[in-house]
Amino acid sequence: MTAPATASGAARLESLMARGAAFFGSRYAILGGAMTWVSERNLVAAISNAGGFGVLASGAMQPERLREEIRATRALTSSPFGVNLITLHPQLLEMVDACIAEGVTHIVLAGGLPPGEAIERAKTGGAKVICFAPALALAKKLVRSGVDALVIEGSEAGGHIGPVSLTVLAQEILPHITDVPVFVAGGIGRGEAIASYLEMGAAGVQLGTRFVCATESIAHPNFKKAFIRASARDAIASVQLDPRFPVIPVRALKNQGAEEFMQAQRRIIERVDRGELDLAAGQLEIEHYWAGALRRAVVDGDVDTGSLMAGQSVGMVKAEQPVAEIVKELMDQAAAFLTGRAMEDVA
């Protein structure tokens, strides 16, 4: 049985989260995962209002549209929040400029190795830069390039994923990267896991899947129902069919849409073989397919042919809950876990 939380457990949790919370300017070192079509003004503001740090998913927005969304989010919360930018965006530097112009304090650069100019422009504008590190060597390189914090995301996560689990990444990276805060992500659905990674040296955590079924999430009811019904084994990673196409695997709930994506890959590969598309154009078509399929599921509620991007922690999503309730539940679990550890040490 889990030990009830005591003041000592809560104090220990606060101490372990202090560096990450100070970095964000939030009560808790909980970073909201940027999920396209899901992490918009309502969910982002709710996470920040609950003491976490919400992050807008800019996706394929244009700079002016991003500025509108930042302003709309700020109208819903007085707490800090950040913006996630995709490094492959054709207007990446203009997107950085839009964030700076709107006073965004933290910019997350995701989707690939960020160009040095983007990092420099963000930092010169006064923003802190957060990047993803899938390996220790890259983590060290990013720190040398001036990033202010790192996220290490395991293959248990939803959406685009790397090949290594968080349990391995944490062991590989956390003991060696101490110059900047390192946040962990992937497969985290309970407070006990949060506490464990904090004790390993993480500054905090990033959570995405856990917030999809928040009351404040605008995801379609069908999308939420699919999450609530799913188990961990239902969240499977897509397969790359041709090494010429470096398609980053995507973890999503298995459905007809997952099979259709495989067929779409085959058709695009055949077109490249016939000379109708070059490799770059083929890669772009594959990425556009995913974006459209995700929108169909999240916005339109097409859970049959749309993409149900979800992490393996989906099995721990049991009901629709307000964000504040989710955060409190996680923090209570973490504090109770630390209380139990303290009692064992005394015994």
Protein backbone atom coordinates (compact mmCIF):
# COMPACT_ATOMS: atom_id res chain seq x y z
CA MET A 1 0.00 0.00 0.00
CA THR A 2 1.26 3.49 -0.81
CA ALA A 3 2.23 5.48 2.27
CA PRO A 4 0.21 8.65 2.81
CA ALA A 5 2.11 11.84 2.06
CA THR A 6 3.49 13.78 4.99
CA ALA A 7 4.98 17.24 5.27
CA SER A 8 8.44 15.69 4.96
CA GLY A 9 7.53 13.97 1.68
CA ALA A 10 6.06 17.17 0.26
CA ALA A 11 9.12 19.14 1.36
CA ARG A 12 11.44 16.58 -0.24
CA LEU A 13 9.47 16.80 -3.49
CA GLU A 14 9.63 20.59 -3.46
CA SER A 15 13.38 20.40 -2.91
CA LEU A 16 13.89 17.95 -5.78
CA MET A 17 11.81 20.12 -8.11
CA ALA A 18 13.33 23.43 -7.02
CA ARG A 19 15.80 23.80 -9.88
CA GLY A 20 13.28 22.97 -12.57
CA ALA A 21 10.53 25.09 -11.04
CA ALA A 22 12.90 28.06 -10.76
CA PHE A 23 13.91 27.62 -14.40
CA PHE A 24 10.28 27.91 -15.53
CA GLY A 25 9.11 30.31 -12.86
CA SER A 26 6.35 27.84 -12.00
CA ARG A 27 5.26 26.08 -8.81
CA TYR A 28 5.98 22.60 -10.18
CA ALA A 29 8.65 21.42 -12.59
CA ILE A 30 6.05 19.91 -14.91
CA LEU A 31 6.50 20.83 -18.55
CA GLY A 32 3.48 20.32 -20.80
CA GLY A 33 4.34 18.29 -23.87
CA ALA A 34 3.57 20.24 -27.04
CA MET A 35 0.95 18.22 -28.91
CA THR A 36 -0.22 19.55 -32.26
CA TRP A 37 -3.95 20.45 -32.27
CA VAL A 38 -4.14 19.64 -28.54
CA SER A 39 -1.68 22.01 -26.86
CA GLU A 40 -3.47 25.22 -27.72
CA ARG A 41 -4.48 28.19 -25.58
CA ASN A 42 -7.00 26.41 -23.34
CA LEU A 43 -4.89 23.43 -22.28
CA VAL A 44 -1.67 25.44 -22.09
CA ALA A 45 -3.25 28.08 -19.85
CA ALA A 46 -4.83 25.40 -17.66
CA ILE A 47 -1.46 23.67 -17.11
CA SER A 48 0.20 26.96 -16.17
CA ASN A 49 -2.70 27.94 -13.91
CA ALA A 50 -2.39 24.57 -12.13
CA GLY A 51 1.25 25.27 -11.29
CA GLY A 52 2.91 23.56 -14.23
CA PHE A 53 4.46 25.11 -17.32
CA GLY A 54 2.25 24.93 -20.40
CA VAL A 55 3.78 24.94 -23.89
CA LEU A 56 2.00 25.98 -27.07
CA ALA A 57 2.45 23.65 -30.05
CA SER A 58 3.00 26.00 -33.00
CA GLY A 59 3.09 23.18 -35.57
CA ALA A 60 2.70 24.60 -39.07
CA MET A 61 1.37 28.00 -37.92
CA GLN A 62 2.58 31.13 -39.65
CA PRO A 63 4.25 33.83 -37.52
CA GLU A 64 1.23 36.12 -37.26
CA ARG A 65 -1.07 33.22 -36.37
CA LEU A 66 1.39 32.22 -33.65
CA ARG A 67 1.37 35.75 -32.26
CA GLU A 68 -2.43 35.61 -32.07
CA GLU A 69 -2.32 32.31 -30.16
CA ILE A 70 0.28 33.64 -27.73
CA ARG A 71 -1.89 36.67 -26.99
CA ALA A 72 -4.99 34.50 -26.59
CA THR A 73 -3.13 32.25 -24.13
CA ARG A 74 -1.90 35.20 -22.13
CA ALA A 75 -5.50 36.36 -21.82
CA LEU A 76 -6.26 33.10 -19.99
CA THR A 77 -3.30 32.97 -17.61
CA SER A 78 -0.98 35.33 -15.81
CA SER A 79 1.47 32.47 -15.21
CA PRO A 80 4.46 31.80 -17.49
CA PHE A 81 4.22 29.48 -20.50
CA GLY A 82 6.40 28.62 -23.47
CA VAL A 83 6.20 27.94 -27.20
CA ASN A 84 7.36 24.88 -29.12
CA LEU A 85 8.82 25.57 -32.57
CA ILE A 86 9.60 22.93 -35.20
CA THR A 87 13.17 23.30 -36.45
CA LEU A 88 12.16 22.27 -39.98
CA HIS A 89 9.64 25.13 -40.25
CA PRO A 90 10.54 27.15 -43.37
CA GLN A 91 10.09 30.36 -41.39
CA LEU A 92 11.82 29.24 -38.20
CA LEU A 93 13.69 32.49 -37.62
CA GLU A 94 10.53 34.52 -38.19
CA MET A 95 8.75 32.25 -35.70
CA VAL A 96 11.49 32.94 -33.16
CA ASP A 97 11.08 36.67 -33.82
CA ALA A 98 7.32 36.38 -33.26
CA CYS A 99 7.93 34.75 -29.87
CA ILE A 100 10.40 37.44 -28.86
CA ALA A 101 8.06 40.21 -29.99
CA GLU A 102 5.32 38.74 -27.79
CA GLY A 103 7.57 38.42 -24.76
CA VAL A 104 7.75 34.61 -24.69
CA THR A 105 10.26 33.62 -22.01
CA HIS A 106 10.96 30.01 -23.03
CA ILE A 107 11.26 28.57 -26.55
CA VAL A 108 11.37 24.82 -27.15
CA LEU A 109 13.12 23.86 -30.41
CA ALA A 110 11.99 20.40 -31.50
CA GLY A 111 12.01 18.08 -34.49
CA GLY A 112 15.72 17.99 -35.24
CA LEU A 113 19.08 19.58 -34.51
CA PRO A 114 18.36 23.32 -34.09
CA PRO A 115 20.34 25.75 -36.25
CA GLY A 116 22.77 27.88 -34.30
CA GLU A 117 21.21 31.06 -35.63
CA ALA A 118 17.84 30.14 -34.13
CA ILE A 119 19.39 29.50 -30.72
CA GLU A 120 21.37 32.74 -30.86
CA ARG A 121 18.40 34.81 -31.97
CA ALA A 122 16.18 33.43 -29.23
CA LYS A 123 18.78 34.01 -26.51
CA THR A 124 19.63 37.49 -27.79
CA GLY A 125 15.93 38.28 -27.57
CA GLY A 126 15.89 37.28 -23.91
CA ALA A 127 14.28 33.84 -24.18
CA LYS A 128 15.58 30.64 -22.63
CA VAL A 129 16.07 27.82 -25.14
CA ILE A 130 15.09 24.20 -24.49
CA CYS A 131 16.11 21.41 -26.89
CA PHE A 132 15.66 17.65 -27.14
CA ALA A 133 18.69 15.39 -26.74
CA PRO A 134 18.34 11.75 -27.89
CA ALA A 135 21.92 10.79 -26.93
CA LEU A 136 24.68 11.91 -24.57
CA ALA A 137 26.99 13.16 -27.33
CA LEU A 138 24.25 15.38 -28.73
CA ALA A 139 23.32 16.57 -25.24
CA LYS A 140 26.90 17.75 -24.70
CA LYS A 141 26.95 19.43 -28.11
CA LEU A 142 23.72 21.31 -27.38
CA VAL A 143 25.01 22.51 -24.03
CA ARG A 144 28.16 23.80 -25.74
CA SER A 145 25.97 25.59 -28.28
CA GLY A 146 24.33 27.57 -25.49
CA VAL A 147 20.95 25.93 -24.88
CA ASP A 148 19.56 26.58 -21.41
CA ALA A 149 17.88 23.23 -20.73
CA LEU A 150 17.39 19.81 -22.27
CA VAL A 151 14.54 17.32 -22.56
CA ILE A 152 15.40 13.64 -22.92
CA GLU A 153 12.42 11.77 -24.34
CA GLY A 154 12.19 8.01 -24.39
CA SER A 155 10.58 5.82 -27.03
CA GLU A 156 7.62 5.26 -24.68
CA ALA A 157 6.36 8.73 -25.60
CA GLY A 158 3.58 9.52 -28.06
CA GLY A 159 4.00 11.14 -31.46
CA HIS A 160 7.45 11.29 -33.06
CA ILE A 161 9.88 9.21 -31.02
CA GLY A 162 13.50 8.11 -30.86
CA PRO A 163 14.76 4.51 -30.59
CA VAL A 164 15.83 4.44 -26.92
CA SER A 165 13.67 4.06 -23.80
CA LEU A 166 13.66 6.72 -21.11
CA THR A 167 14.99 4.30 -18.50
CA VAL A 168 18.16 3.91 -20.59
CA LEU A 169 18.43 7.58 -21.61
CA ALA A 170 18.14 8.68 -18.00
CA GLN A 171 21.00 6.42 -16.98
CA GLU A 172 23.09 7.53 -19.95
CA ILE A 173 22.56 11.28 -19.67
CA LEU A 174 21.49 12.41 -16.18
CA PRO A 175 24.76 11.59 -14.37
CA HIS A 176 26.80 13.48 -16.96
CA ILE A 177 24.79 16.60 -17.81
CA THR A 178 24.62 18.88 -14.79
CA ASP A 179 25.43 22.30 -16.27
CA VAL A 180 21.82 22.81 -17.37
CA PRO A 181 18.48 21.43 -16.12
CA VAL A 182 17.46 18.16 -17.77
CA PHE A 183 13.78 17.23 -17.97
CA VAL A 184 12.65 13.66 -18.68
CA ALA A 185 9.74 12.54 -20.84
CA GLY A 186 8.12 9.40 -22.17
CA GLY A 187 5.81 6.93 -20.49
CA ILE A 188 5.36 8.93 -17.28
CA GLY A 189 1.84 8.57 -15.93
CA ARG A 190 2.14 8.48 -12.14
CA GLY A 191 3.80 10.51 -9.43
CA GLU A 192 6.01 7.67 -8.21
CA ALA A 193 7.83 7.71 -11.55
CA ILE A 194 8.21 11.48 -11.35
CA ALA A 195 9.80 11.19 -7.91
CA SER A 196 12.15 8.43 -9.03
CA TYR A 197 13.49 10.41 -11.98
CA LEU A 198 13.90 13.48 -9.78
CA GLU A 199 15.99 11.40 -7.38
CA MET A 200 18.10 10.28 -10.34
CA GLY A 201 18.94 13.91 -11.08
CA ALA A 202 16.20 15.11 -13.40
CA ALA A 203 15.14 18.72 -12.87
CA GLY A 204 11.54 17.87 -13.73
CA VAL A 205 9.33 16.04 -16.19
CA GLN A 206 7.48 16.62 -19.43
CA LEU A 207 3.98 15.13 -19.69
CA GLY A 208 1.80 14.97 -22.79
CA THR A 209 -0.45 11.92 -22.94
CA ARG A 210 -1.58 12.40 -19.33
CA PHE A 211 -3.12 15.78 -20.25
CA VAL A 212 -4.95 14.80 -23.45
CA CYS A 213 -8.10 13.88 -21.56
CA ALA A 214 -8.07 16.96 -19.38
CA THR A 215 -11.41 18.71 -19.14
CA GLU A 216 -9.77 21.81 -20.62
CA SER A 217 -8.38 19.89 -23.61
CA ILE A 218 -10.28 20.69 -26.81
CA ALA A 219 -9.57 17.23 -28.24
CA HIS A 220 -12.71 15.66 -29.72
CA PRO A 221 -14.73 13.46 -27.30
CA ASN A 222 -14.07 10.47 -29.58
CA PHE A 223 -10.34 11.07 -29.29
CA LYS A 224 -10.57 11.19 -25.51
CA LYS A 225 -12.71 8.04 -25.36
CA ALA A 226 -10.07 6.18 -27.40
CA PHE A 227 -7.43 7.17 -24.85
CA ILE A 228 -9.54 6.16 -21.86
CA ARG A 229 -10.27 2.74 -23.38
CA ALA A 230 -6.68 2.04 -24.47
CA SER A 231 -4.01 0.00 -22.72
CA ALA A 232 -0.26 0.55 -22.93
CA ARG A 233 0.17 -2.18 -25.55
CA ASP A 234 -2.27 -0.41 -27.89
CA ALA A 235 0.20 2.45 -28.40
CA ILE A 236 2.50 1.11 -31.10
CA ALA A 237 5.31 2.65 -33.13
CA SER A 238 5.10 2.98 -36.91
CA VAL A 239 7.58 1.12 -39.11
CA GLN A 240 10.02 2.65 -41.59
CA LEU A 241 9.73 0.78 -44.88
CA ASP A 242 12.68 2.21 -46.81
CA PRO A 243 16.00 3.44 -45.35
CA ARG A 244 16.11 6.18 -47.99
CA PHE A 245 13.23 7.81 -46.13
CA PRO A 246 14.32 8.70 -42.60
CA VAL A 247 10.77 8.64 -41.34
CA ILE A 248 10.86 9.26 -37.62
CA PRO A 249 8.72 6.55 -36.00
CA VAL A 250 5.42 7.75 -34.61
CA ARG A 251 3.75 6.10 -31.60
CA ALA A 252 -0.03 6.04 -31.85
CA LEU A 253 -2.95 3.82 -30.94
CA LYS A 254 -3.37 1.05 -33.48
CA ASN A 255 -6.30 1.55 -35.84
CA GLN A 256 -7.14 1.55 -39.53
CA GLY A 257 -5.23 4.81 -39.93
CA ALA A 258 -1.96 3.18 -38.85
CA GLU A 259 -2.32 0.60 -41.63
CA GLU A 260 -3.23 3.28 -44.15
CA PHE A 261 -0.05 5.15 -43.27
CA MET A 262 1.97 2.07 -44.22
CA GLN A 263 0.17 1.98 -47.56
CA ALA A 264 0.80 5.70 -48.05
CA GLN A 265 4.51 5.15 -47.47
CA ARG A 266 4.53 2.40 -50.08
CA ARG A 267 2.78 4.61 -52.66
CA ILE A 268 5.19 7.49 -52.07
CA ILE A 269 8.21 5.19 -52.34
CA GLU A 270 6.88 3.86 -55.65
CA ARG A 271 6.47 7.42 -56.96
CA VAL A 272 10.06 8.22 -56.02
CA ASP A 273 11.24 5.04 -57.76
CA ARG A 274 9.39 6.12 -60.91
CA GLY A 275 11.02 9.54 -60.77
CA GLU A 276 7.78 11.41 -60.06
CA LEU A 277 9.13 12.76 -56.74
CA ASP A 278 12.60 13.38 -55.39
CA LEU A 279 13.55 12.12 -51.94
CA ALA A 280 12.96 15.46 -50.21
CA ALA A 281 9.50 15.84 -51.72
CA GLY A 282 8.65 12.28 -50.75
CA GLN A 283 9.75 12.89 -47.18
CA LEU A 284 7.63 16.03 -47.02
CA GLU A 285 4.56 14.17 -48.30
CA ILE A 286 4.98 11.58 -45.56
CA GLU A 287 5.15 14.30 -42.90
CA HIS A 288 2.11 16.06 -44.35
CA TYR A 289 0.21 12.78 -44.25
CA TRP A 290 0.81 12.53 -40.51
CA ALA A 291 -0.22 16.12 -39.88
CA GLY A 292 -3.51 15.68 -41.73
CA ALA A 293 -4.27 12.36 -40.08
CA LEU A 294 -3.68 13.82 -36.63
CA ARG A 295 -6.04 16.70 -37.30
CA ARG A 296 -8.77 14.32 -38.44
CA ALA A 297 -8.55 12.46 -35.15
CA VAL A 298 -8.10 15.34 -32.69
CA VAL A 299 -10.36 17.94 -34.29
CA ASP A 300 -12.88 15.94 -36.31
CA GLY A 301 -13.06 12.88 -34.07
CA ASP A 302 -12.21 10.39 -36.82
CA VAL A 303 -10.67 7.72 -34.62
CA ASP A 304 -10.81 5.08 -37.36
CA THR A 305 -8.66 6.62 -40.09
CA GLY A 306 -7.09 9.51 -38.13
CA SER A 307 -3.84 9.32 -36.18
CA LEU A 308 -4.30 8.64 -32.46
CA MET A 309 -0.84 9.73 -31.30
CA ALA A 310 -0.39 8.50 -27.73
CA GLY A 311 2.39 7.44 -25.40
CA GLN A 312 2.44 4.10 -23.60
CA SER A 313 1.31 5.86 -20.42
CA VAL A 314 -2.12 6.01 -22.08
CA GLY A 315 -3.01 2.93 -20.06
CA MET A 316 -2.93 5.13 -16.95
CA VAL A 317 -5.45 7.60 -18.36
CA LYS A 318 -8.69 6.42 -16.79
CA ALA A 319 -11.08 9.36 -17.00
CA GLU A 320 -11.54 12.95 -18.07
CA GLN A 321 -10.27 15.22 -15.28
CA PRO A 322 -9.53 18.92 -14.79
CA VAL A 323 -5.83 19.74 -15.22
CA ALA A 324 -5.57 20.94 -11.61
CA GLU A 325 -6.89 17.58 -10.41
CA ILE A 326 -4.38 15.67 -12.57
CA VAL A 327 -1.47 17.75 -11.30
CA LYS A 328 -2.56 17.39 -7.66
CA GLU A 329 -2.96 13.64 -8.09
CA LEU A 330 0.56 13.33 -9.53
CA MET A 331 2.12 15.50 -6.84
CA ASP A 332 0.30 13.63 -4.06
CA GLN A 333 1.55 10.32 -5.44
CA ALA A 334 5.10 11.63 -5.69
CA ALA A 335 5.05 13.05 -2.16
CA ALA A 336 3.58 9.83 -0.73
CA PHE A 337 6.27 7.81 -2.50
CA LEU A 338 9.00 9.99 -1.01
CA THR A 339 7.36 9.72 2.41
CA GLY A 340 7.51 5.95 2.14
CA ARG A 341 11.19 6.10 1.19
CA ALA A 342 11.93 8.32 4.19
CA MET A 343 10.09 5.94 6.53
CA GLU A 344 12.11 3.01 5.16
CA ASP A 345 15.34 4.92 5.77
CA VAL A 346 14.33 5.59 9.39
CA ALA A 347 13.39 1.95 9.92
